[in-house]
Amino acid sequence: MIGLLRLLLPPHEDNEKAADYLRTRIGRHHGMIEWVAVRPDNLTYEETVTPYNVYPSPVRSALFDPGRTSRINVSHFMAELITDGRIWAEWKGQMPDIYNSDISSQH
């Protein structure tokens, strides 16, 4: 299935190559480059930030059991990365997956 996506959607393969370059060539502890690549799942539109969870790797199948992630939650998390050094330090050099959570979960 992934091979078919690579063939039919050239940007998918480009995204994979860019992520691989960050992970293997730049790495987590480069002396001059720091990065985080936020990976949302099935994007949705919401008007307000809601609770969300961030994981170091996917916890769902993007093809067969996709999660939902609102664009505003992705934006909120990216703003937190930029403004909160503790959060940046936690995720620096990683590719966290972000999913909307239910009301009882925290972000």
PDB file of N, CA and C in Angstrom:
ATOM      1  N   MET A   1       0.817  -1.189   0.000  1.00  0.00           N
ATOM      2  CA  MET A   1       0.000   0.000   0.000  1.00  0.00           C
ATOM      3  C   MET A   1       0.867   1.263   0.000  1.00  0.00           C
ATOM      4  N   ILE A   2       1.910   1.282   0.827  1.00  0.00           N
ATOM      5  CA  ILE A   2       2.797   2.449   0.878  1.00  0.00           C
ATOM      6  C   ILE A   2       3.491   2.629  -0.466  1.00  0.00           C
ATOM      7  N   GLY A   3       3.897   1.516  -1.090  1.00  0.00           N
ATOM      8  CA  GLY A   3       4.533   1.596  -2.406  1.00  0.00           C
ATOM      9  C   GLY A   3       3.616   2.229  -3.431  1.00  0.00           C
ATOM     10  N   LEU A   4       2.347   1.914  -3.382  1.00  0.00           N
ATOM     11  CA  LEU A   4       1.370   2.508  -4.290  1.00  0.00           C
ATOM     12  C   LEU A   4       1.242   4.005  -4.034  1.00  0.00           C
ATOM     13  N   LEU A   5       1.219   4.404  -2.761  1.00  0.00           N
ATOM     14  CA  LEU A   5       1.181   5.831  -2.433  1.00  0.00           C
ATOM     15  C   LEU A   5       2.406   6.562  -2.981  1.00  0.00           C
ATOM     16  N   ARG A   6       3.572   5.935  -2.835  1.00  0.00           N
ATOM     17  CA  ARG A   6       4.804   6.553  -3.351  1.00  0.00           C
ATOM     18  C   ARG A   6       4.725   6.755  -4.856  1.00  0.00           C
ATOM     19  N   LEU A   7       4.143   5.785  -5.534  1.00  0.00           N
ATOM     20  CA  LEU A   7       4.036   5.853  -6.991  1.00  0.00           C
ATOM     21  C   LEU A   7       3.011   6.892  -7.433  1.00  0.00           C
ATOM     22  N   LEU A   8       1.864   6.922  -6.772  1.00  0.00           N
ATOM     23  CA  LEU A   8       0.766   7.787  -7.200  1.00  0.00           C
ATOM     24  C   LEU A   8       0.854   9.207  -6.650  1.00  0.00           C
ATOM     25  N   LEU A   9       1.514   9.379  -5.534  1.00  0.00           N
ATOM     26  CA  LEU A   9       1.605  10.692  -4.900  1.00  0.00           C
ATOM     27  C   LEU A   9       3.069  11.060  -4.686  1.00  0.00           C
ATOM     28  N   PRO A  10       3.734  11.625  -5.701  1.00  0.00           N
ATOM     29  CA  PRO A  10       5.150  11.956  -5.568  1.00  0.00           C
ATOM     30  C   PRO A  10       5.493  12.769  -4.314  1.00  0.00           C
ATOM     31  N   PRO A  11       4.639  13.685  -3.841  1.00  0.00           N
ATOM     32  CA  PRO A  11       5.008  14.410  -2.612  1.00  0.00           C
ATOM     33  C   PRO A  11       5.185  13.483  -1.403  1.00  0.00           C
ATOM     34  N   HIS A  12       4.491  12.344  -1.393  1.00  0.00           N
ATOM     35  CA  HIS A  12       4.629  11.409  -0.280  1.00  0.00           C
ATOM     36  C   HIS A  12       6.067  10.898  -0.197  1.00  0.00           C
ATOM     37  N   GLU A  13       6.609  10.506  -1.317  1.00  0.00           N
ATOM     38  CA  GLU A  13       7.990  10.023  -1.338  1.00  0.00           C
ATOM     39  C   GLU A  13       8.965  11.143  -0.966  1.00  0.00           C
ATOM     40  N   ASP A  14       8.708  12.352  -1.468  1.00  0.00           N
ATOM     41  CA  ASP A  14       9.557  13.492  -1.108  1.00  0.00           C
ATOM     42  C   ASP A  14       9.549  13.734   0.397  1.00  0.00           C
ATOM     43  N   ASN A  15       8.368  13.648   1.013  1.00  0.00           N
ATOM     44  CA  ASN A  15       8.260  13.830   2.460  1.00  0.00           C
ATOM     45  C   ASN A  15       9.059  12.759   3.207  1.00  0.00           C
ATOM     46  N   GLU A  16       8.973  11.526   2.733  1.00  0.00           N
ATOM     47  CA  GLU A  16       9.722  10.444   3.360  1.00  0.00           C
ATOM     48  C   GLU A  16      11.231  10.684   3.249  1.00  0.00           C
ATOM     49  N   LYS A  17      11.677  11.128   2.071  1.00  0.00           N
ATOM     50  CA  LYS A  17      13.104  11.385   1.877  1.00  0.00           C
ATOM     51  C   LYS A  17      13.588  12.535   2.760  1.00  0.00           C
ATOM     52  N   ALA A  18      12.783  13.593   2.885  1.00  0.00           N
ATOM     53  CA  ALA A  18      13.158  14.723   3.738  1.00  0.00           C
ATOM     54  C   ALA A  18      13.250  14.277   5.196  1.00  0.00           C
ATOM     55  N   ALA A  19      12.291  13.493   5.652  1.00  0.00           N
ATOM     56  CA  ALA A  19      12.313  12.997   7.026  1.00  0.00           C
ATOM     57  C   ALA A  19      13.522  12.095   7.254  1.00  0.00           C
ATOM     58  N   ASP A  20      13.812  11.246   6.290  1.00  0.00           N
ATOM     59  CA  ASP A  20      14.961  10.352   6.416  1.00  0.00           C
ATOM     60  C   ASP A  20      16.265  11.147   6.473  1.00  0.00           C
ATOM     61  N   TYR A  21      16.359  12.205   5.679  1.00  0.00           N
ATOM     62  CA  TYR A  21      17.551  13.047   5.687  1.00  0.00           C
ATOM     63  C   TYR A  21      17.748  13.676   7.070  1.00  0.00           C
ATOM     64  N   LEU A  22      16.680  14.235   7.629  1.00  0.00           N
ATOM     65  CA  LEU A  22      16.780  14.818   8.970  1.00  0.00           C
ATOM     66  C   LEU A  22      17.229  13.773   9.992  1.00  0.00           C
ATOM     67  N   ARG A  23      16.612  12.625   9.910  1.00  0.00           N
ATOM     68  CA  ARG A  23      16.874  11.573  10.896  1.00  0.00           C
ATOM     69  C   ARG A  23      18.280  10.998  10.767  1.00  0.00           C
ATOM     70  N   THR A  24      18.743  10.734   9.527  1.00  0.00           N
ATOM     71  CA  THR A  24      20.012  10.032   9.355  1.00  0.00           C
ATOM     72  C   THR A  24      21.206  10.949   9.112  1.00  0.00           C
ATOM     73  N   ARG A  25      21.028  12.046   8.400  1.00  0.00           N
ATOM     74  CA  ARG A  25      22.156  12.923   8.070  1.00  0.00           C
ATOM     75  C   ARG A  25      22.370  14.023   9.106  1.00  0.00           C
ATOM     76  N   ILE A  26      21.291  14.626   9.555  1.00  0.00           N
ATOM     77  CA  ILE A  26      21.395  15.697  10.550  1.00  0.00           C
ATOM     78  C   ILE A  26      21.423  15.093  11.957  1.00  0.00           C
ATOM     79  N   GLY A  27      20.521  14.194  12.221  1.00  0.00           N
ATOM     80  CA  GLY A  27      20.493  13.504  13.509  1.00  0.00           C
ATOM     81  C   GLY A  27      19.946  14.362  14.639  1.00  0.00           C
ATOM     82  N   ARG A  28      19.926  13.791  15.808  1.00  0.00           N
ATOM     83  CA  ARG A  28      19.338  14.453  16.981  1.00  0.00           C
ATOM     84  C   ARG A  28      20.294  15.411  17.674  1.00  0.00           C
ATOM     85  N   HIS A  29      21.601  15.265  17.440  1.00  0.00           N
ATOM     86  CA  HIS A  29      22.564  16.041  18.219  1.00  0.00           C
ATOM     87  C   HIS A  29      23.545  16.796  17.327  1.00  0.00           C
ATOM     88  N   HIS A  30      23.052  17.363  16.251  1.00  0.00           N
ATOM     89  CA  HIS A  30      23.893  18.149  15.345  1.00  0.00           C
ATOM     90  C   HIS A  30      24.350  19.410  16.076  1.00  0.00           C
ATOM     91  N   GLY A  31      25.569  19.835  15.831  1.00  0.00           N
ATOM     92  CA  GLY A  31      26.113  20.995  16.529  1.00  0.00           C
ATOM     93  C   GLY A  31      25.496  22.326  16.134  1.00  0.00           C
ATOM     94  N   MET A  32      24.906  22.418  14.925  1.00  0.00           N
ATOM     95  CA  MET A  32      24.400  23.712  14.457  1.00  0.00           C
ATOM     96  C   MET A  32      22.918  23.703  14.084  1.00  0.00           C
ATOM     97  N   ILE A  33      22.352  22.529  13.900  1.00  0.00           N
ATOM     98  CA  ILE A  33      20.957  22.454  13.441  1.00  0.00           C
ATOM     99  C   ILE A  33      20.118  21.727  14.478  1.00  0.00           C
ATOM    100  N   GLU A  34      19.048  22.381  14.908  1.00  0.00           N
ATOM    101  CA  GLU A  34      18.057  21.755  15.771  1.00  0.00           C
ATOM    102  C   GLU A  34      16.740  21.725  15.017  1.00  0.00           C
ATOM    103  N   TRP A  35      15.991  20.655  15.163  1.00  0.00           N
ATOM    104  CA  TRP A  35      14.755  20.511  14.397  1.00  0.00           C
ATOM    105  C   TRP A  35      13.762  19.631  15.141  1.00  0.00           C
ATOM    106  N   VAL A  36      12.505  19.816  14.797  1.00  0.00           N
ATOM    107  CA  VAL A  36      11.408  18.926  15.186  1.00  0.00           C
ATOM    108  C   VAL A  36      10.490  18.861  13.975  1.00  0.00           C
ATOM    109  N   ALA A  37      10.074  17.684  13.589  1.00  0.00           N
ATOM    110  CA  ALA A  37       9.129  17.508  12.482  1.00  0.00           C
ATOM    111  C   ALA A  37       7.823  16.957  13.059  1.00  0.00           C
ATOM    112  N   VAL A  38       6.833  17.818  13.190  1.00  0.00           N
ATOM    113  CA  VAL A  38       5.540  17.432  13.758  1.00  0.00           C
ATOM    114  C   VAL A  38       4.748  16.683  12.691  1.00  0.00           C
ATOM    115  N   ARG A  39       4.226  15.511  13.073  1.00  0.00           N
ATOM    116  CA  ARG A  39       3.516  14.669  12.123  1.00  0.00           C
ATOM    117  C   ARG A  39       2.068  14.456  12.568  1.00  0.00           C
ATOM    118  N   PRO A  40       1.179  15.287  12.062  1.00  0.00           N
ATOM    119  CA  PRO A  40      -0.233  15.092  12.408  1.00  0.00           C
ATOM    120  C   PRO A  40      -0.837  13.959  11.589  1.00  0.00           C
ATOM    121  N   ASP A  41      -1.926  13.450  12.069  1.00  0.00           N
ATOM    122  CA  ASP A  41      -2.677  12.452  11.313  1.00  0.00           C
ATOM    123  C   ASP A  41      -3.787  13.174  10.561  1.00  0.00           C
ATOM    124  N   ASN A  42      -4.806  12.505  10.184  1.00  0.00           N
ATOM    125  CA  ASN A  42      -5.933  13.014   9.413  1.00  0.00           C
ATOM    126  C   ASN A  42      -6.347  14.410   9.898  1.00  0.00           C
ATOM    127  N   LEU A  43      -5.999  15.456   9.135  1.00  0.00           N
ATOM    128  CA  LEU A  43      -6.227  16.836   9.571  1.00  0.00           C
ATOM    129  C   LEU A  43      -7.695  17.248   9.469  1.00  0.00           C
ATOM    130  N   THR A  44      -8.152  17.954  10.505  1.00  0.00           N
ATOM    131  CA  THR A  44      -9.521  18.450  10.547  1.00  0.00           C
ATOM    132  C   THR A  44      -9.501  19.939  10.874  1.00  0.00           C
ATOM    133  N   TYR A  45     -10.623  20.591  10.677  1.00  0.00           N
ATOM    134  CA  TYR A  45     -10.779  21.999  11.046  1.00  0.00           C
ATOM    135  C   TYR A  45     -11.576  22.090  12.336  1.00  0.00           C
ATOM    136  N   GLU A  46     -11.046  22.818  13.289  1.00  0.00           N
ATOM    137  CA  GLU A  46     -11.738  23.137  14.534  1.00  0.00           C
ATOM    138  C   GLU A  46     -11.507  24.614  14.790  1.00  0.00           C
ATOM    139  N   GLU A  47     -12.352  25.220  15.595  1.00  0.00           N
ATOM    140  CA  GLU A  47     -12.210  26.649  15.864  1.00  0.00           C
ATOM    141  C   GLU A  47     -11.406  26.955  17.117  1.00  0.00           C
ATOM    142  N   THR A  48     -11.289  25.987  18.007  1.00  0.00           N
ATOM    143  CA  THR A  48     -10.553  26.221  19.251  1.00  0.00           C
ATOM    144  C   THR A  48      -9.599  25.057  19.516  1.00  0.00           C
ATOM    145  N   VAL A  49      -8.587  25.356  20.307  1.00  0.00           N
ATOM    146  CA  VAL A  49      -7.651  24.314  20.728  1.00  0.00           C
ATOM    147  C   VAL A  49      -8.385  23.376  21.675  1.00  0.00           C
ATOM    148  N   THR A  50      -8.183  22.092  21.477  1.00  0.00           N
ATOM    149  CA  THR A  50      -8.764  21.065  22.335  1.00  0.00           C
ATOM    150  C   THR A  50      -7.628  20.196  22.862  1.00  0.00           C
ATOM    151  N   PRO A  51      -7.898  19.380  23.864  1.00  0.00           N
ATOM    152  CA  PRO A  51      -6.833  18.504  24.358  1.00  0.00           C
ATOM    153  C   PRO A  51      -6.282  17.613  23.242  1.00  0.00           C
ATOM    154  N   TYR A  52      -4.974  17.382  23.298  1.00  0.00           N
ATOM    155  CA  TYR A  52      -4.326  16.504  22.327  1.00  0.00           C
ATOM    156  C   TYR A  52      -3.196  15.758  23.006  1.00  0.00           C
ATOM    157  N   ASN A  53      -2.757  14.690  22.368  1.00  0.00           N
ATOM    158  CA  ASN A  53      -1.650  13.886  22.871  1.00  0.00           C
ATOM    159  C   ASN A  53      -0.542  13.877  21.835  1.00  0.00           C
ATOM    160  N   VAL A  54       0.688  13.855  22.313  1.00  0.00           N
ATOM    161  CA  VAL A  54       1.853  13.823  21.443  1.00  0.00           C
ATOM    162  C   VAL A  54       2.653  12.575  21.799  1.00  0.00           C
ATOM    163  N   TYR A  55       3.042  11.815  20.769  1.00  0.00           N
ATOM    164  CA  TYR A  55       3.760  10.559  20.957  1.00  0.00           C
ATOM    165  C   TYR A  55       5.055  10.560  20.149  1.00  0.00           C
ATOM    166  N   PRO A  56       6.074   9.842  20.615  1.00  0.00           N
ATOM    167  CA  PRO A  56       7.328   9.804  19.875  1.00  0.00           C
ATOM    168  C   PRO A  56       7.239   9.045  18.554  1.00  0.00           C
ATOM    169  N   SER A  57       6.225   8.216  18.390  1.00  0.00           N
ATOM    170  CA  SER A  57       6.022   7.489  17.143  1.00  0.00           C
ATOM    171  C   SER A  57       4.535   7.197  16.986  1.00  0.00           C
ATOM    172  N   PRO A  58       4.110   6.818  15.785  1.00  0.00           N
ATOM    173  CA  PRO A  58       2.681   6.581  15.575  1.00  0.00           C
ATOM    174  C   PRO A  58       2.126   5.520  16.520  1.00  0.00           C
ATOM    175  N   VAL A  59       0.916   5.748  16.974  1.00  0.00           N
ATOM    176  CA  VAL A  59       0.223   4.762  17.809  1.00  0.00           C
ATOM    177  C   VAL A  59      -0.985   4.186  17.077  1.00  0.00           C
ATOM    178  N   ARG A  60      -1.184   4.646  15.847  1.00  0.00           N
ATOM    179  CA  ARG A  60      -2.284   4.171  15.012  1.00  0.00           C
ATOM    180  C   ARG A  60      -1.756   3.947  13.603  1.00  0.00           C
ATOM    181  N   SER A  61      -2.498   3.195  12.830  1.00  0.00           N
ATOM    182  CA  SER A  61      -2.154   2.997  11.424  1.00  0.00           C
ATOM    183  C   SER A  61      -2.738   4.143  10.610  1.00  0.00           C
ATOM    184  N   ALA A  62      -1.869   4.909   9.956  1.00  0.00           N
ATOM    185  CA  ALA A  62      -2.342   6.046   9.159  1.00  0.00           C
ATOM    186  C   ALA A  62      -3.246   5.603   8.018  1.00  0.00           C
ATOM    187  N   LEU A  63      -3.088   4.376   7.551  1.00  0.00           N
ATOM    188  CA  LEU A  63      -3.911   3.889   6.445  1.00  0.00           C
ATOM    189  C   LEU A  63      -5.175   3.184   6.906  1.00  0.00           C
ATOM    190  N   PHE A  64      -5.091   2.383   7.964  1.00  0.00           N
ATOM    191  CA  PHE A  64      -6.212   1.528   8.330  1.00  0.00           C
ATOM    192  C   PHE A  64      -6.931   1.943   9.607  1.00  0.00           C
ATOM    193  N   ASP A  65      -6.352   2.837  10.383  1.00  0.00           N
ATOM    194  CA  ASP A  65      -6.982   3.311  11.621  1.00  0.00           C
ATOM    195  C   ASP A  65      -6.480   4.716  11.929  1.00  0.00           C
ATOM    196  N   PRO A  66      -6.697   5.656  10.994  1.00  0.00           N
ATOM    197  CA  PRO A  66      -6.129   6.993  11.196  1.00  0.00           C
ATOM    198  C   PRO A  66      -6.764   7.712  12.385  1.00  0.00           C
ATOM    199  N   GLY A  67      -5.928   8.479  13.058  1.00  0.00           N
ATOM    200  CA  GLY A  67      -6.429   9.340  14.113  1.00  0.00           C
ATOM    201  C   GLY A  67      -6.836  10.674  13.515  1.00  0.00           C
ATOM    202  N   ARG A  68      -7.400  11.522  14.332  1.00  0.00           N
ATOM    203  CA  ARG A  68      -7.795  12.865  13.883  1.00  0.00           C
ATOM    204  C   ARG A  68      -6.947  13.887  14.622  1.00  0.00           C
ATOM    205  N   THR A  69      -6.551  14.902  13.885  1.00  0.00           N
ATOM    206  CA  THR A  69      -5.778  15.984  14.474  1.00  0.00           C
ATOM    207  C   THR A  69      -6.255  17.290  13.875  1.00  0.00           C
ATOM    208  N   SER A  70      -6.680  18.217  14.712  1.00  0.00           N
ATOM    209  CA  SER A  70      -7.130  19.499  14.178  1.00  0.00           C
ATOM    210  C   SER A  70      -5.931  20.375  13.852  1.00  0.00           C
ATOM    211  N   ARG A  71      -6.091  21.154  12.824  1.00  0.00           N
ATOM    212  CA  ARG A  71      -5.024  22.070  12.411  1.00  0.00           C
ATOM    213  C   ARG A  71      -4.661  23.047  13.533  1.00  0.00           C
ATOM    214  N   ILE A  72      -5.658  23.482  14.282  1.00  0.00           N
ATOM    215  CA  ILE A  72      -5.390  24.425  15.362  1.00  0.00           C
ATOM    216  C   ILE A  72      -4.573  23.772  16.482  1.00  0.00           C
ATOM    217  N   ASN A  73      -4.784  22.466  16.718  1.00  0.00           N
ATOM    218  CA  ASN A  73      -3.979  21.771  17.715  1.00  0.00           C
ATOM    219  C   ASN A  73      -2.526  21.627  17.244  1.00  0.00           C
ATOM    220  N   VAL A  74      -2.333  21.356  15.953  1.00  0.00           N
ATOM    221  CA  VAL A  74      -0.981  21.288  15.409  1.00  0.00           C
ATOM    222  C   VAL A  74      -0.304  22.647  15.575  1.00  0.00           C
ATOM    223  N   SER A  75      -1.020  23.710  15.227  1.00  0.00           N
ATOM    224  CA  SER A  75      -0.466  25.063  15.374  1.00  0.00           C
ATOM    225  C   SER A  75      -0.120  25.371  16.821  1.00  0.00           C
ATOM    226  N   HIS A  76      -0.992  24.984  17.736  1.00  0.00           N
ATOM    227  CA  HIS A  76      -0.754  25.219  19.155  1.00  0.00           C
ATOM    228  C   HIS A  76       0.513  24.496  19.608  1.00  0.00           C
ATOM    229  N   PHE A  77       0.642  23.237  19.232  1.00  0.00           N
ATOM    230  CA  PHE A  77       1.816  22.473  19.632  1.00  0.00           C
ATOM    231  C   PHE A  77       3.091  23.073  19.039  1.00  0.00           C
ATOM    232  N   MET A  78       3.035  23.495  17.781  1.00  0.00           N
ATOM    233  CA  MET A  78       4.216  24.113  17.162  1.00  0.00           C
ATOM    234  C   MET A  78       4.573  25.426  17.856  1.00  0.00           C
ATOM    235  N   ALA A  79       3.581  26.196  18.245  1.00  0.00           N
ATOM    236  CA  ALA A  79       3.850  27.440  18.983  1.00  0.00           C
ATOM    237  C   ALA A  79       4.469  27.128  20.344  1.00  0.00           C
ATOM    238  N   GLU A  80       3.999  26.078  20.993  1.00  0.00           N
ATOM    239  CA  GLU A  80       4.578  25.662  22.272  1.00  0.00           C
ATOM    240  C   GLU A  80       6.034  25.246  22.091  1.00  0.00           C
ATOM    241  N   LEU A  81       6.338  24.549  20.999  1.00  0.00           N
ATOM    242  CA  LEU A  81       7.726  24.169  20.725  1.00  0.00           C
ATOM    243  C   LEU A  81       8.624  25.396  20.631  1.00  0.00           C
ATOM    244  N   ILE A  82       8.113  26.432  19.974  1.00  0.00           N
ATOM    245  CA  ILE A  82       8.905  27.645  19.745  1.00  0.00           C
ATOM    246  C   ILE A  82       9.073  28.462  21.018  1.00  0.00           C
ATOM    247  N   THR A  83       8.062  28.499  21.860  1.00  0.00           N
ATOM    248  CA  THR A  83       8.079  29.417  23.001  1.00  0.00           C
ATOM    249  C   THR A  83       8.438  28.778  24.337  1.00  0.00           C
ATOM    250  N   ASP A  84       8.417  27.466  24.423  1.00  0.00           N
ATOM    251  CA  ASP A  84       8.676  26.792  25.692  1.00  0.00           C
ATOM    252  C   ASP A  84       9.922  25.907  25.543  1.00  0.00           C
ATOM    253  N   GLY A  85      11.032  26.358  26.108  1.00  0.00           N
ATOM    254  CA  GLY A  85      12.288  25.631  25.981  1.00  0.00           C
ATOM    255  C   GLY A  85      12.233  24.213  26.507  1.00  0.00           C
ATOM    256  N   ARG A  86      11.423  23.964  27.522  1.00  0.00           N
ATOM    257  CA  ARG A  86      11.281  22.621  28.081  1.00  0.00           C
ATOM    258  C   ARG A  86      10.654  21.674  27.063  1.00  0.00           C
ATOM    259  N   ILE A  87       9.613  22.164  26.379  1.00  0.00           N
ATOM    260  CA  ILE A  87       8.952  21.335  25.369  1.00  0.00           C
ATOM    261  C   ILE A  87       9.888  21.122  24.174  1.00  0.00           C
ATOM    262  N   TRP A  88      10.609  22.189  23.775  1.00  0.00           N
ATOM    263  CA  TRP A  88      11.570  22.036  22.680  1.00  0.00           C
ATOM    264  C   TRP A  88      12.621  20.979  23.027  1.00  0.00           C
ATOM    265  N   ALA A  89      13.169  21.055  24.239  1.00  0.00           N
ATOM    266  CA  ALA A  89      14.192  20.103  24.665  1.00  0.00           C
ATOM    267  C   ALA A  89      13.660  18.671  24.666  1.00  0.00           C
ATOM    268  N   GLU A  90      12.393  18.519  25.017  1.00  0.00           N
ATOM    269  CA  GLU A  90      11.789  17.182  25.059  1.00  0.00           C
ATOM    270  C   GLU A  90      11.693  16.562  23.666  1.00  0.00           C
ATOM    271  N   TRP A  91      11.385  17.382  22.640  1.00  0.00           N
ATOM    272  CA  TRP A  91      11.106  16.852  21.309  1.00  0.00           C
ATOM    273  C   TRP A  91      12.191  17.145  20.274  1.00  0.00           C
ATOM    274  N   LYS A  92      13.231  17.883  20.636  1.00  0.00           N
ATOM    275  CA  LYS A  92      14.297  18.247  19.697  1.00  0.00           C
ATOM    276  C   LYS A  92      14.880  17.005  19.025  1.00  0.00           C
ATOM    277  N   GLY A  93      15.001  17.072  17.689  1.00  0.00           N
ATOM    278  CA  GLY A  93      15.579  15.970  16.933  1.00  0.00           C
ATOM    279  C   GLY A  93      14.663  14.779  16.759  1.00  0.00           C
ATOM    280  N   GLN A  94      13.365  15.000  16.957  1.00  0.00           N
ATOM    281  CA  GLN A  94      12.397  13.904  16.852  1.00  0.00           C
ATOM    282  C   GLN A  94      11.274  14.269  15.881  1.00  0.00           C
ATOM    283  N   MET A  95      10.438  13.284  15.603  1.00  0.00           N
ATOM    284  CA  MET A  95       9.298  13.458  14.709  1.00  0.00           C
ATOM    285  C   MET A  95       8.032  13.007  15.422  1.00  0.00           C
ATOM    286  N   PRO A  96       7.566  13.817  16.372  1.00  0.00           N
ATOM    287  CA  PRO A  96       6.410  13.396  17.161  1.00  0.00           C
ATOM    288  C   PRO A  96       5.113  13.365  16.353  1.00  0.00           C
ATOM    289  N   ASP A  97       4.284  12.401  16.711  1.00  0.00           N
ATOM    290  CA  ASP A  97       2.946  12.297  16.149  1.00  0.00           C
ATOM    291  C   ASP A  97       1.983  12.954  17.124  1.00  0.00           C
ATOM    292  N   ILE A  98       1.030  13.702  16.583  1.00  0.00           N
ATOM    293  CA  ILE A  98       0.056  14.406  17.416  1.00  0.00           C
ATOM    294  C   ILE A  98      -1.347  13.961  17.013  1.00  0.00           C
ATOM    295  N   TYR A  99      -2.167  13.674  18.009  1.00  0.00           N
ATOM    296  CA  TYR A  99      -3.548  13.240  17.809  1.00  0.00           C
ATOM    297  C   TYR A  99      -4.453  14.014  18.758  1.00  0.00           C
ATOM    298  N   ASN A 100      -5.634  14.378  18.300  1.00  0.00           N
ATOM    299  CA  ASN A 100      -6.634  14.916  19.217  1.00  0.00           C
ATOM    300  C   ASN A 100      -6.942  13.843  20.253  1.00  0.00           C
ATOM    301  N   SER A 101      -7.248  14.278  21.464  1.00  0.00           N
ATOM    302  CA  SER A 101      -7.613  13.308  22.514  1.00  0.00           C
ATOM    303  C   SER A 101      -9.025  13.593  22.982  1.00  0.00           C
ATOM    304  N   ASP A 102      -9.526  12.720  23.827  1.00  0.00           N
ATOM    305  CA  ASP A 102     -10.839  12.995  24.392  1.00  0.00           C
ATOM    306  C   ASP A 102     -10.695  14.009  25.513  1.00  0.00           C
ATOM    307  N   ILE A 103     -11.781  14.490  25.992  1.00  0.00           N
ATOM    308  CA  ILE A 103     -11.814  15.572  26.979  1.00  0.00           C
ATOM    309  C   ILE A 103     -11.049  15.207  28.255  1.00  0.00           C
ATOM    310  N   SER A 104     -10.975  13.910  28.618  1.00  0.00           N
ATOM    311  CA  SER A 104     -10.327  13.525  29.872  1.00  0.00           C
ATOM    312  C   SER A 104      -8.813  13.475  29.754  1.00  0.00           C
ATOM    313  N   SER A 105      -8.266  13.512  28.540  1.00  0.00           N
ATOM    314  CA  SER A 105      -6.808  13.453  28.373  1.00  0.00           C
ATOM    315  C   SER A 105      -6.218  14.850  28.393  1.00  0.00           C
ATOM    316  N   GLN A 106      -4.926  14.932  28.642  1.00  0.00           N
ATOM    317  CA  GLN A 106      -4.242  16.211  28.643  1.00  0.00           C
ATOM    318  C   GLN A 106      -3.229  16.247  27.512  1.00  0.00           C
ATOM    319  N   HIS A 107      -2.794  17.470  27.134  1.00  0.00           N
ATOM    320  CA  HIS A 107      -1.739  17.604  26.130  1.00  0.00           C
ATOM    321  C   HIS A 107      -0.471  18.086  26.766  1.00  0.00           C
TER     322      HIS A 107
END
